[in-house]
């Protein structure tokens, strides 16, 4: 998982929520806009906390991702793409 790309995408989503809330407010839907802004603010706080966790534990996260990537290269099995099934003969 690319944490930087994922976090960027989540911040973009947060900005889109803000934009939608402004649109709702401008169109006279103040209650919906206020509710969306409250929830978007909570979402923004969660994103900030996640950023902090990723900063605090970047070595542990990198090590875990490295182990997982290495484990993915240990595939055991047979390549059946070149094997003939014997069906239809």
C-alpha atoms as a PDB file:
ATOM      1  CA  UNK A   1       0.000   0.000   0.000  1.00  0.00           C
ATOM      2  CA  UNK A   2       1.374   3.392  -0.933  1.00  0.00           C
ATOM      3  CA  UNK A   3       0.540   5.441   2.152  1.00  0.00           C
ATOM      4  CA  UNK A   4       1.394   8.799   0.593  1.00  0.00           C
ATOM      5  CA  UNK A   5      -0.911   8.237  -2.379  1.00  0.00           C
ATOM      6  CA  UNK A   6      -3.687   6.894  -0.171  1.00  0.00           C
ATOM      7  CA  UNK A   7      -3.503   9.818   2.248  1.00  0.00           C
ATOM      8  CA  UNK A   8      -3.462  12.307  -0.626  1.00  0.00           C
ATOM      9  CA  UNK A   9      -6.608  10.716  -2.058  1.00  0.00           C
ATOM     10  CA  UNK A  10      -8.312  10.944   1.344  1.00  0.00           C
ATOM     11  CA  UNK A  11      -7.420  14.643   1.663  1.00  0.00           C
ATOM     12  CA  UNK A  12      -8.851  15.223  -1.826  1.00  0.00           C
ATOM     13  CA  UNK A  13     -12.071  13.554  -0.710  1.00  0.00           C
ATOM     14  CA  UNK A  14     -12.123  15.830   2.350  1.00  0.00           C
ATOM     15  CA  UNK A  15     -11.786  18.887   0.088  1.00  0.00           C
ATOM     16  CA  UNK A  16     -14.634  17.602  -2.073  1.00  0.00           C
ATOM     17  CA  UNK A  17     -16.861  17.299   0.997  1.00  0.00           C
ATOM     18  CA  UNK A  18     -16.067  20.930   1.837  1.00  0.00           C
ATOM     19  CA  UNK A  19     -16.892  22.016  -1.702  1.00  0.00           C
ATOM     20  CA  UNK A  20     -20.191  20.124  -1.634  1.00  0.00           C
ATOM     21  CA  UNK A  21     -21.057  21.707   1.717  1.00  0.00           C
ATOM     22  CA  UNK A  22     -20.438  25.174   0.237  1.00  0.00           C
ATOM     23  CA  UNK A  23     -22.656  24.302  -2.730  1.00  0.00           C
ATOM     24  CA  UNK A  24     -25.420  23.136  -0.408  1.00  0.00           C
ATOM     25  CA  UNK A  25     -25.122  26.316   1.641  1.00  0.00           C
ATOM     26  CA  UNK A  26     -25.220  28.508  -1.466  1.00  0.00           C
ATOM     27  CA  UNK A  27     -28.368  26.726  -2.646  1.00  0.00           C
ATOM     28  CA  UNK A  28     -30.174  27.329   0.621  1.00  0.00           C
ATOM     29  CA  UNK A  29     -29.678  23.924   2.252  1.00  0.00           C
ATOM     30  CA  UNK A  30     -28.035  25.245   5.410  1.00  0.00           C
ATOM     31  CA  UNK A  31     -28.883  22.261   7.617  1.00  0.00           C
ATOM     32  CA  UNK A  32     -27.433  19.764   5.145  1.00  0.00           C
ATOM     33  CA  UNK A  33     -24.375  21.982   4.662  1.00  0.00           C
ATOM     34  CA  UNK A  34     -23.804  22.304   8.408  1.00  0.00           C
ATOM     35  CA  UNK A  35     -24.145  18.555   8.942  1.00  0.00           C
ATOM     36  CA  UNK A  36     -21.739  17.775   6.115  1.00  0.00           C
ATOM     37  CA  UNK A  37     -19.210  20.324   7.410  1.00  0.00           C
ATOM     38  CA  UNK A  38     -19.359  18.819  10.920  1.00  0.00           C
ATOM     39  CA  UNK A  39     -18.726  15.334   9.575  1.00  0.00           C
ATOM     40  CA  UNK A  40     -16.030  16.553   7.175  1.00  0.00           C
ATOM     41  CA  UNK A  41     -14.290  18.286  10.090  1.00  0.00           C
ATOM     42  CA  UNK A  42     -14.323  15.024  12.051  1.00  0.00           C
ATOM     43  CA  UNK A  43     -12.965  13.231   8.989  1.00  0.00           C
ATOM     44  CA  UNK A  44     -10.219  15.850   8.716  1.00  0.00           C
ATOM     45  CA  UNK A  45      -9.267  15.294  12.366  1.00  0.00           C
ATOM     46  CA  UNK A  46      -9.025  11.562  11.737  1.00  0.00           C
ATOM     47  CA  UNK A  47      -6.781  12.190   8.730  1.00  0.00           C
ATOM     48  CA  UNK A  48      -4.497  14.352  10.855  1.00  0.00           C
ATOM     49  CA  UNK A  49      -4.290  11.598  13.467  1.00  0.00           C
ATOM     50  CA  UNK A  50      -3.494   9.016  10.783  1.00  0.00           C
ATOM     51  CA  UNK A  51      -0.731  11.264   9.434  1.00  0.00           C
ATOM     52  CA  UNK A  52       0.709  11.442  12.936  1.00  0.00           C
ATOM     53  CA  UNK A  53       0.638   7.655  13.320  1.00  0.00           C
ATOM     54  CA  UNK A  54       2.355   7.191   9.958  1.00  0.00           C
ATOM     55  CA  UNK A  55       5.030   9.716  10.974  1.00  0.00           C
ATOM     56  CA  UNK A  56       5.569   8.126  14.395  1.00  0.00           C
ATOM     57  CA  UNK A  57       5.775   4.561  13.124  1.00  0.00           C
ATOM     58  CA  UNK A  58       7.285   4.916   9.674  1.00  0.00           C
ATOM     59  CA  UNK A  59      10.082   2.429  10.382  1.00  0.00           C
ATOM     60  CA  UNK A  60       7.693  -0.234  11.652  1.00  0.00           C
ATOM     61  CA  UNK A  61       5.308   0.343   8.743  1.00  0.00           C
ATOM     62  CA  UNK A  62       8.121   0.163   6.185  1.00  0.00           C
ATOM     63  CA  UNK A  63       9.414  -3.058   7.746  1.00  0.00           C
ATOM     64  CA  UNK A  64       5.951  -4.634   7.712  1.00  0.00           C
ATOM     65  CA  UNK A  65       5.397  -3.644   4.087  1.00  0.00           C
ATOM     66  CA  UNK A  66       8.835  -4.978   3.141  1.00  0.00           C
ATOM     67  CA  UNK A  67       8.124  -8.342   4.811  1.00  0.00           C
ATOM     68  CA  UNK A  68       4.777  -8.565   3.034  1.00  0.00           C
ATOM     69  CA  UNK A  69       6.342  -7.734  -0.334  1.00  0.00           C
ATOM     70  CA  UNK A  70       8.999 -10.394   0.168  1.00  0.00           C
ATOM     71  CA  UNK A  71       6.388 -12.948   1.203  1.00  0.00           C
ATOM     72  CA  UNK A  72       4.516 -12.251  -2.024  1.00  0.00           C
ATOM     73  CA  UNK A  73       7.492 -13.495  -4.022  1.00  0.00           C
ATOM     74  CA  UNK A  74       7.319 -16.946  -2.450  1.00  0.00           C
ATOM     75  CA  UNK A  75       4.627 -18.274  -4.715  1.00  0.00           C
ATOM     76  CA  UNK A  76       4.479 -22.027  -4.987  1.00  0.00           C
ATOM     77  CA  UNK A  77       2.413 -23.790  -7.558  1.00  0.00           C
ATOM     78  CA  UNK A  78       2.266 -24.910 -11.125  1.00  0.00           C
ATOM     79  CA  UNK A  79       1.989 -22.747 -14.201  1.00  0.00           C
ATOM     80  CA  UNK A  80      -0.988 -24.287 -15.909  1.00  0.00           C
ATOM     81  CA  UNK A  81      -1.077 -21.787 -18.751  1.00  0.00           C
ATOM     82  CA  UNK A  82       1.147 -24.036 -20.876  1.00  0.00           C
ATOM     83  CA  UNK A  83      -0.269 -27.347 -19.742  1.00  0.00           C
ATOM     84  CA  UNK A  84      -2.665 -29.191 -21.970  1.00  0.00           C
ATOM     85  CA  UNK A  85      -5.865 -30.275 -20.307  1.00  0.00           C
ATOM     86  CA  UNK A  86      -6.410 -33.327 -22.459  1.00  0.00           C
ATOM     87  CA  UNK A  87     -10.054 -32.372 -22.802  1.00  0.00           C
ATOM     88  CA  UNK A  88     -11.581 -32.461 -26.231  1.00  0.00           C
ATOM     89  CA  UNK A  89      -9.198 -35.074 -27.588  1.00  0.00           C
END
